[in-house]
């Protein structure tokens, strides 16, 4: 793939900014959860905003919002579960952020994304291009695992018992990895849907909308209520932009992938996520708790980036 002039840097910036926005979506939705009193309501509001944003883009670009009934009935049902996976991933981030902090909430799902992405590539799941497991890719997975251990486990070994958050953090960390795997599956499913629809924006809109409907239904069963107007009045203006940021990530990916390729887009997106999460943690953006960045976290993240390079490019 040949790059021409400075155009390449524009698309690299799109991917980097997309990852940075995703890291900021987590604390925004976590703060919204405190206001509406439910992770499901917070995720539902976020997905609703994202659906509107992507719906507008789809209408402007194609003048057709929904796929035809003939298209829906002639394709397998798994094409439509990407949105459900996305809803689970989004809600999980709302639950994980106050328990694990900004950096772990980004790092552990990234691990899940890498592992599931490797399985999808190796076995060609969801009609993805099948890529055999090579020594370099295997080494990349091992290096990434070592990076996660350095970034997540080692800093916690030095924490005082009184300073440790209460609860089963191991369980939450495992779930964070699973949620990341669902996110990777969602991307593969949406990619297949975009190919079949010949419209990536429309595929992203359908995925967001399905995610919103799934979260809305779960919220009705669990919370048995809708967001209160009195609660929403307590929200800051920026509490409503989480869905916009999530949708912007999808839009940035749609723009960047055809120009610089999926591997480089993912790489720049991950760098953006990691840098964004570290800044959120360091400065306590979006009313989140402040945590001093530790040297082990920086070293672990650099090791993870090295592993990503092995997986994606060697």
Protein backbone atom coordinates (compact mmCIF):
# COMPACT_ATOMS: atom_id res chain seq x y z
CA UNK A 1 0.00 0.00 0.00
CA UNK A 2 1.77 3.14 -1.18
CA UNK A 3 1.22 6.37 0.70
CA UNK A 4 1.27 9.70 -1.11
CA UNK A 5 2.68 12.82 0.48
CA UNK A 6 1.18 14.04 3.72
CA UNK A 7 -2.18 12.32 3.13
CA UNK A 8 -1.04 9.27 5.09
CA UNK A 9 -0.57 11.32 8.24
CA UNK A 10 -4.15 12.59 8.05
CA UNK A 11 -5.53 9.05 8.14
CA UNK A 12 -3.06 8.03 10.84
CA UNK A 13 -4.36 10.96 12.88
CA UNK A 14 -7.97 9.81 12.29
CA UNK A 15 -7.17 6.39 13.75
CA UNK A 16 -5.17 7.83 16.67
CA UNK A 17 -7.90 10.33 17.58
CA UNK A 18 -10.51 7.56 17.31
CA UNK A 19 -8.71 5.51 19.96
CA UNK A 20 -8.24 8.58 22.16
CA UNK A 21 -11.98 9.34 22.00
CA UNK A 22 -12.83 5.75 22.95
CA UNK A 23 -10.67 6.03 26.09
CA UNK A 24 -12.62 9.16 27.07
CA UNK A 25 -15.99 7.52 26.46
CA UNK A 26 -15.50 5.15 29.42
CA UNK A 27 -15.31 7.76 32.22
CA UNK A 28 -18.07 9.86 30.63
CA UNK A 29 -20.45 6.90 30.65
CA UNK A 30 -19.30 5.92 34.15
CA UNK A 31 -20.19 9.41 35.40
CA UNK A 32 -23.52 9.25 33.59
CA UNK A 33 -24.22 6.01 35.43
CA UNK A 34 -23.89 7.85 38.76
CA UNK A 35 -26.47 10.39 37.59
CA UNK A 36 -29.13 8.01 36.20
CA UNK A 37 -28.42 5.30 38.79
CA UNK A 38 -28.01 2.39 36.39
CA UNK A 39 -25.26 1.10 34.05
CA UNK A 40 -27.94 -0.08 31.62
CA UNK A 41 -29.65 3.30 31.44
CA UNK A 42 -26.28 5.00 30.98
CA UNK A 43 -25.29 2.61 28.18
CA UNK A 44 -28.72 2.93 26.59
CA UNK A 45 -28.48 6.72 26.48
CA UNK A 46 -24.98 6.47 25.01
CA UNK A 47 -26.06 4.01 22.31
CA UNK A 48 -29.13 6.12 21.53
CA UNK A 49 -26.97 9.20 20.93
CA UNK A 50 -24.53 7.16 18.83
CA UNK A 51 -27.38 5.68 16.78
CA UNK A 52 -28.73 9.13 15.97
CA UNK A 53 -25.28 10.34 14.92
CA UNK A 54 -24.59 7.34 12.66
CA UNK A 55 -28.16 7.43 11.34
CA UNK A 56 -27.63 11.01 10.16
CA UNK A 57 -24.35 10.03 8.47
CA UNK A 58 -26.06 7.08 6.77
CA UNK A 59 -28.95 9.21 5.50
CA UNK A 60 -26.62 11.89 4.20
CA UNK A 61 -24.35 9.42 2.40
CA UNK A 62 -26.86 6.87 1.09
CA UNK A 63 -30.41 8.24 1.60
CA UNK A 64 -31.36 4.77 2.86
CA UNK A 65 -31.43 4.08 6.59
CA UNK A 66 -32.39 0.40 6.95
CA UNK A 67 -31.51 -2.66 4.85
CA UNK A 68 -34.38 -4.18 2.90
CA UNK A 69 -36.53 -7.04 4.22
CA UNK A 70 -35.21 -9.21 1.41
CA UNK A 71 -31.64 -8.59 2.57
CA UNK A 72 -32.48 -9.40 6.20
CA UNK A 73 -34.33 -12.61 5.37
CA UNK A 74 -31.66 -13.92 2.98
CA UNK A 75 -28.67 -13.73 5.34
CA UNK A 76 -27.70 -15.63 8.53
CA UNK A 77 -28.93 -14.45 11.94
CA UNK A 78 -25.40 -13.99 13.37
CA UNK A 79 -24.98 -10.92 11.17
CA UNK A 80 -27.21 -9.02 13.61
CA UNK A 81 -25.62 -9.97 16.94
CA UNK A 82 -22.73 -7.54 16.55
CA UNK A 83 -24.85 -4.81 18.10
CA UNK A 84 -25.66 -7.03 21.09
CA UNK A 85 -21.95 -7.69 21.62
CA UNK A 86 -21.34 -3.96 21.35
CA UNK A 87 -24.03 -3.25 23.95
CA UNK A 88 -22.47 -5.77 26.33
CA UNK A 89 -19.03 -4.25 25.76
CA UNK A 90 -20.29 -0.72 26.35
CA UNK A 91 -22.20 -1.66 29.51
CA UNK A 92 -19.20 -3.63 30.77
CA UNK A 93 -17.00 -0.56 30.43
CA UNK A 94 -19.45 1.41 32.57
CA UNK A 95 -19.27 -1.31 35.24
CA UNK A 96 -15.50 -1.83 34.99
CA UNK A 97 -14.30 1.76 35.01
CA UNK A 98 -15.03 2.60 38.69
CA UNK A 99 -13.64 -0.77 39.80
CA UNK A 100 -10.49 -1.13 37.71
CA UNK A 101 -9.61 2.44 36.76
CA UNK A 102 -9.07 4.00 33.35
CA UNK A 103 -5.90 2.14 32.31
CA UNK A 104 -7.03 -1.39 33.22
CA UNK A 105 -10.47 -0.77 31.69
CA UNK A 106 -8.68 -0.15 28.39
CA UNK A 107 -5.77 -2.60 28.64
CA UNK A 108 -7.67 -5.77 29.57
CA UNK A 109 -10.31 -5.48 26.82
CA UNK A 110 -7.45 -4.84 24.39
CA UNK A 111 -6.02 -8.21 25.45
CA UNK A 112 -9.39 -9.80 24.73
CA UNK A 113 -9.54 -8.06 21.37
CA UNK A 114 -6.10 -9.37 20.41
CA UNK A 115 -6.82 -12.94 21.49
CA UNK A 116 -10.21 -13.09 19.77
CA UNK A 117 -8.82 -11.33 16.71
CA UNK A 118 -6.12 -14.00 16.50
CA UNK A 119 -8.74 -16.77 16.66
CA UNK A 120 -10.88 -15.04 14.02
CA UNK A 121 -7.87 -14.69 11.71
CA UNK A 122 -6.64 -18.24 12.34
CA UNK A 123 -9.98 -19.98 11.72
CA UNK A 124 -11.63 -17.48 9.37
CA UNK A 125 -14.65 -16.97 11.63
CA UNK A 126 -17.43 -14.66 10.40
CA UNK A 127 -16.12 -15.09 6.83
CA UNK A 128 -12.96 -13.15 7.71
CA UNK A 129 -9.78 -13.70 5.73
CA UNK A 130 -8.04 -16.76 7.19
CA UNK A 131 -4.45 -16.20 8.32
CA UNK A 132 -2.39 -19.16 9.61
CA UNK A 133 -0.76 -19.02 13.03
CA UNK A 134 2.90 -18.15 12.52
CA UNK A 135 5.77 -18.10 14.96
CA UNK A 136 5.81 -14.29 14.91
CA UNK A 137 2.10 -14.05 15.67
CA UNK A 138 2.43 -16.56 18.51
CA UNK A 139 5.39 -14.62 19.92
CA UNK A 140 3.31 -11.46 19.70
CA UNK A 141 0.54 -12.99 21.80
CA UNK A 142 3.05 -14.12 24.44
CA UNK A 143 4.73 -10.69 24.51
CA UNK A 144 1.35 -9.00 24.87
CA UNK A 145 0.42 -11.28 27.78
CA UNK A 146 3.72 -10.39 29.47
CA UNK A 147 2.94 -6.70 28.93
CA UNK A 148 -0.47 -7.06 30.57
CA UNK A 149 1.10 -8.81 33.57
CA UNK A 150 3.67 -6.02 33.93
CA UNK A 151 1.10 -3.23 33.55
CA UNK A 152 -1.70 -4.71 35.68
CA UNK A 153 -0.28 -7.23 38.15
CA UNK A 154 3.03 -5.71 39.23
CA UNK A 155 1.68 -2.28 40.26
CA UNK A 156 -1.02 -3.97 42.36
CA UNK A 157 1.53 -6.08 44.23
CA UNK A 158 2.91 -2.89 45.76
CA UNK A 159 -0.45 -1.50 46.83
CA UNK A 160 -1.25 -1.47 50.53
CA UNK A 161 -4.16 -3.68 51.53
CA UNK A 162 -6.14 -0.68 52.81
CA UNK A 163 -5.82 1.07 49.49
CA UNK A 164 -7.07 -1.84 47.42
CA UNK A 165 -10.65 -1.58 46.14
CA UNK A 166 -13.05 -4.01 47.71
CA UNK A 167 -14.49 -6.93 45.74
CA UNK A 168 -13.31 -9.73 43.48
CA UNK A 169 -11.04 -7.83 41.09
CA UNK A 170 -9.87 -11.06 39.43
CA UNK A 171 -13.42 -11.77 38.29
CA UNK A 172 -13.84 -8.25 36.93
CA UNK A 173 -10.50 -8.48 35.09
CA UNK A 174 -11.49 -11.78 33.49
CA UNK A 175 -14.80 -10.26 32.43
CA UNK A 176 -12.92 -7.28 30.96
CA UNK A 177 -10.98 -9.68 28.71
CA UNK A 178 -14.22 -11.44 27.68
CA UNK A 179 -15.85 -8.10 26.91
CA UNK A 180 -12.88 -7.19 24.73
CA UNK A 181 -13.28 -10.49 22.86
CA UNK A 182 -16.92 -9.59 22.21
CA UNK A 183 -15.79 -6.23 20.85
CA UNK A 184 -13.43 -7.95 18.40
CA UNK A 185 -16.22 -10.28 17.30
CA UNK A 186 -18.46 -7.26 16.83
CA UNK A 187 -15.90 -5.62 14.55
CA UNK A 188 -15.58 -8.78 12.44
CA UNK A 189 -19.36 -9.19 12.21
CA UNK A 190 -19.88 -5.53 11.33
CA UNK A 191 -17.12 -5.80 8.75
CA UNK A 192 -18.93 -8.71 7.09
CA UNK A 193 -22.23 -6.84 7.30
CA UNK A 194 -20.62 -3.78 5.73
CA UNK A 195 -19.28 -5.88 2.85
CA UNK A 196 -22.71 -7.43 2.20
CA UNK A 197 -24.50 -4.08 2.48
CA UNK A 198 -21.72 -2.37 0.54
CA UNK A 199 -22.04 0.43 3.11
CA UNK A 200 -19.95 0.45 6.30
CA UNK A 201 -21.75 3.47 7.79
CA UNK A 202 -25.10 1.73 7.46
CA UNK A 203 -23.67 -1.43 9.04
CA UNK A 204 -22.37 0.61 11.98
CA UNK A 205 -25.75 2.33 12.38
CA UNK A 206 -27.63 -0.99 12.38
CA UNK A 207 -25.18 -2.37 14.95
CA UNK A 208 -25.56 0.65 17.24
CA UNK A 209 -29.35 0.56 16.94
CA UNK A 210 -29.55 -3.16 17.77
CA UNK A 211 -27.28 -2.53 20.75
CA UNK A 212 -29.55 0.27 21.95
CA UNK A 213 -32.67 -1.88 21.63
CA UNK A 214 -31.00 -4.78 23.50
CA UNK A 215 -29.87 -2.51 26.34
CA UNK A 216 -33.28 -0.83 26.46
CA UNK A 217 -35.06 -4.18 26.84
CA UNK A 218 -32.64 -5.37 29.54
CA UNK A 219 -33.03 -2.04 31.35
CA UNK A 220 -36.82 -2.42 31.41
CA UNK A 221 -36.49 -5.86 33.03
CA UNK A 222 -33.70 -4.96 35.47
CA UNK A 223 -34.45 -1.33 36.36
CA UNK A 224 -38.14 -1.30 35.42
CA UNK A 225 -37.96 2.39 34.71
CA UNK A 226 -36.79 5.01 32.25
CA UNK A 227 -34.31 7.79 33.04
CA UNK A 228 -35.90 10.47 35.21
CA UNK A 229 -36.07 13.97 33.82
CA UNK A 230 -35.00 15.28 37.23
CA UNK A 231 -31.85 13.11 37.07
CA UNK A 232 -31.01 14.13 33.52
CA UNK A 233 -31.20 17.80 34.57
CA UNK A 234 -28.33 17.11 36.97
CA UNK A 235 -26.10 15.97 34.12
CA UNK A 236 -23.36 18.12 32.70
CA UNK A 237 -23.52 18.94 28.97
CA UNK A 238 -20.59 16.60 28.33
CA UNK A 239 -22.43 13.63 29.89
CA UNK A 240 -24.35 13.21 26.65
CA UNK A 241 -21.39 12.94 24.31
CA UNK A 242 -20.29 9.40 25.21
CA UNK A 243 -22.38 7.94 22.40
CA UNK A 244 -21.12 10.59 20.00
CA UNK A 245 -17.53 9.64 20.88
CA UNK A 246 -18.26 5.92 20.37
CA UNK A 247 -19.87 6.60 17.02
CA UNK A 248 -16.96 8.87 16.06
CA UNK A 249 -14.60 5.95 16.67
CA UNK A 250 -16.56 3.88 14.17
CA UNK A 251 -16.58 6.76 11.70
CA UNK A 252 -12.80 7.29 12.09
CA UNK A 253 -12.23 3.59 11.43
CA UNK A 254 -14.45 3.70 8.35
CA UNK A 255 -12.39 6.60 7.00
CA UNK A 256 -8.94 5.22 7.88
CA UNK A 257 -9.12 1.50 7.06
CA UNK A 258 -9.55 1.84 3.27
CA UNK A 259 -6.63 4.26 3.15
CA UNK A 260 -3.97 2.84 5.50
CA UNK A 261 -5.23 -0.72 6.07
CA UNK A 262 -6.80 -2.45 9.05
CA UNK A 263 -3.55 -3.38 10.79
CA UNK A 264 -2.16 0.14 10.93
CA UNK A 265 -5.57 1.55 11.87
CA UNK A 266 -5.86 -0.87 14.80
CA UNK A 267 -2.31 -0.11 15.89
CA UNK A 268 -2.84 3.64 15.92
CA UNK A 269 -6.23 3.21 17.60
CA UNK A 270 -4.73 1.15 20.40
CA UNK A 271 -2.00 3.73 20.96
CA UNK A 272 -4.69 6.41 21.15
CA UNK A 273 -6.70 4.35 23.66
CA UNK A 274 -3.72 3.73 25.89
CA UNK A 275 -2.50 7.32 25.86
CA UNK A 276 -6.02 8.59 26.44
CA UNK A 277 -6.61 6.26 29.39
CA UNK A 278 -3.33 7.30 31.01
CA UNK A 279 -4.22 10.97 30.71
CA UNK A 280 -7.73 10.35 32.10
CA UNK A 281 -6.19 8.54 35.06
CA UNK A 282 -3.45 11.09 35.67
CA UNK A 283 -5.63 14.20 35.56
CA UNK A 284 -9.00 12.80 36.66
CA UNK A 285 -10.87 13.99 33.57
CA UNK A 286 -14.65 13.72 33.43
CA UNK A 287 -14.96 13.70 37.23
CA UNK A 288 -13.08 10.40 37.47
CA UNK A 289 -10.72 9.50 40.31
CA UNK A 290 -7.09 10.52 39.98
CA UNK A 291 -4.39 7.87 40.07
CA UNK A 292 -0.69 8.53 39.65
CA UNK A 293 0.69 6.69 36.62
CA UNK A 294 3.34 4.17 37.70
CA UNK A 295 6.53 3.26 35.91
CA UNK A 296 5.44 -0.39 35.64
CA UNK A 297 2.31 0.68 33.78
CA UNK A 298 4.36 2.58 31.21
CA UNK A 299 6.80 -0.33 30.78
CA UNK A 300 3.93 -2.81 30.46
CA UNK A 301 2.18 -0.70 27.85
CA UNK A 302 5.39 -0.43 25.80
CA UNK A 303 5.79 -4.23 25.96
CA UNK A 304 2.15 -4.62 24.85
CA UNK A 305 2.78 -2.32 21.90
CA UNK A 306 5.77 -4.46 20.92
CA UNK A 307 3.53 -7.54 21.04
CA UNK A 308 0.94 -5.80 18.86
CA UNK A 309 3.65 -5.04 16.30
CA UNK A 310 4.58 -8.75 16.19
CA UNK A 311 0.93 -9.80 15.75
CA UNK A 312 -0.04 -7.28 13.14
CA UNK A 313 3.04 -6.58 11.08
CA UNK A 314 5.72 -9.30 11.38
